[in-house]
Amino acid sequence: MSIEEKIRACRECSIRNYQPPVLDEPPGEGKLVMCVDFAPPPLLQANGELPAFDRCFPAGPLLEPALRELVRFGYVFYGSYLLKCPPLQNGVPRKPHHYELANCFRHLQEEIRTYRPLAVLLLGHGTYLNVLSLLGLEYRKSYGYYFNLYPHEGTNYIPVIHPAQLDKTPGAPPSLYMEGIVNAVKRCSED
């Protein structure tokens, strides 16, 4: 059974009704970087169903300057989520339960083991604190835009501010943020 089939077949989770497939196709050849956001947006169609899953995850366009720079050096990207489906209660987003996080995290780990990315960008506070904790790693504050690397089982995890939060962060020029991401990913290649 493929990883996509396993994740779609997940029946332990109360939010499984909203679960999209992980990927519509395997990522391309090159130095793979996985970008992990917290959860897909709960955008329902007029008929009340989730739209078809789009591999261009919502944070993708916000990260475009950094991703475009890294593509020049042979990196390829794809987006995933810590929570594979948006936790909803009566159609309204809610905070996930710990067991839901742990259940979805097992699928994210399997994705990582299957595709073996060089680096995993953990986008946003909710994503990186939960992932690092579930991996048994202790978060260390980064200074400025020198993002810390957390090696674990052959993959480097890079916790970064979510790009959607840049406009809410005083004194945070987006160009330095993008440069910090590029430098952190390149440091993964040096290991």
Foldseek 3Di string as FASTA:
>chain_A
DDLQVVLLPDDPDPQSVFFAGFDPDAWDDFQEEEEEEAAADLDADPVRHDDHDDQCGPLNVLLVVLVVVVVVVGYTYTYGYLQRGFDDDPSHGDDDDPVSSVVSNVSVVVVCVVNVHLEYEQEADVRPVSNCVSLVHDDDDDDQLQWDWDDDPNHTYTYAYHSVCQVVDPPRPVVSNSVSVNVVSVVSVVD
